Amino acid sequence: VGVGADAHRVAYTMRMNALFESLQEAKGLYAQRYGESVDLPEPEESFEEQDGVPGVTVVGVGADAQRAAYSLRMSALFDSLQEAKDLYAQRYGESVDVPEPEERFEEQDGVP
């Protein structure tokens, strides 16, 4: 005895929604780790020949897009650095940003 088309459609929709949510989570984790989206357009490449010499012409995404991607990567790196500093402070009870005390050696009666 079959379940019916409506039940299959509901089950299919639920599975597709779960897969889509999982995909969005994976994209978010990738962007968080690498500082760029997997959805960014790839530069266009075209093969051409100039004066008998074969070559590849690459058309980039533009300076504004590159600047934005760079800013995202740098932001992600600074966030990661801050997280590492916080973990260090939590584990060792001191900040890595506090300068170490200056060591001074004194000599008394010719003995260092």
Foldseek 3Di string as FASTA:
>chain_A
DDPDPVVVVVVVVVVVVVVVVVVVVVQVVCCLVQQDGPPDDDWDWDWDADPNRIDIDTHDPDDVVVVNSVVSRVVSVVVVVVVVQVVCCVVVVDGPPDDDDDDDDDADPNRD
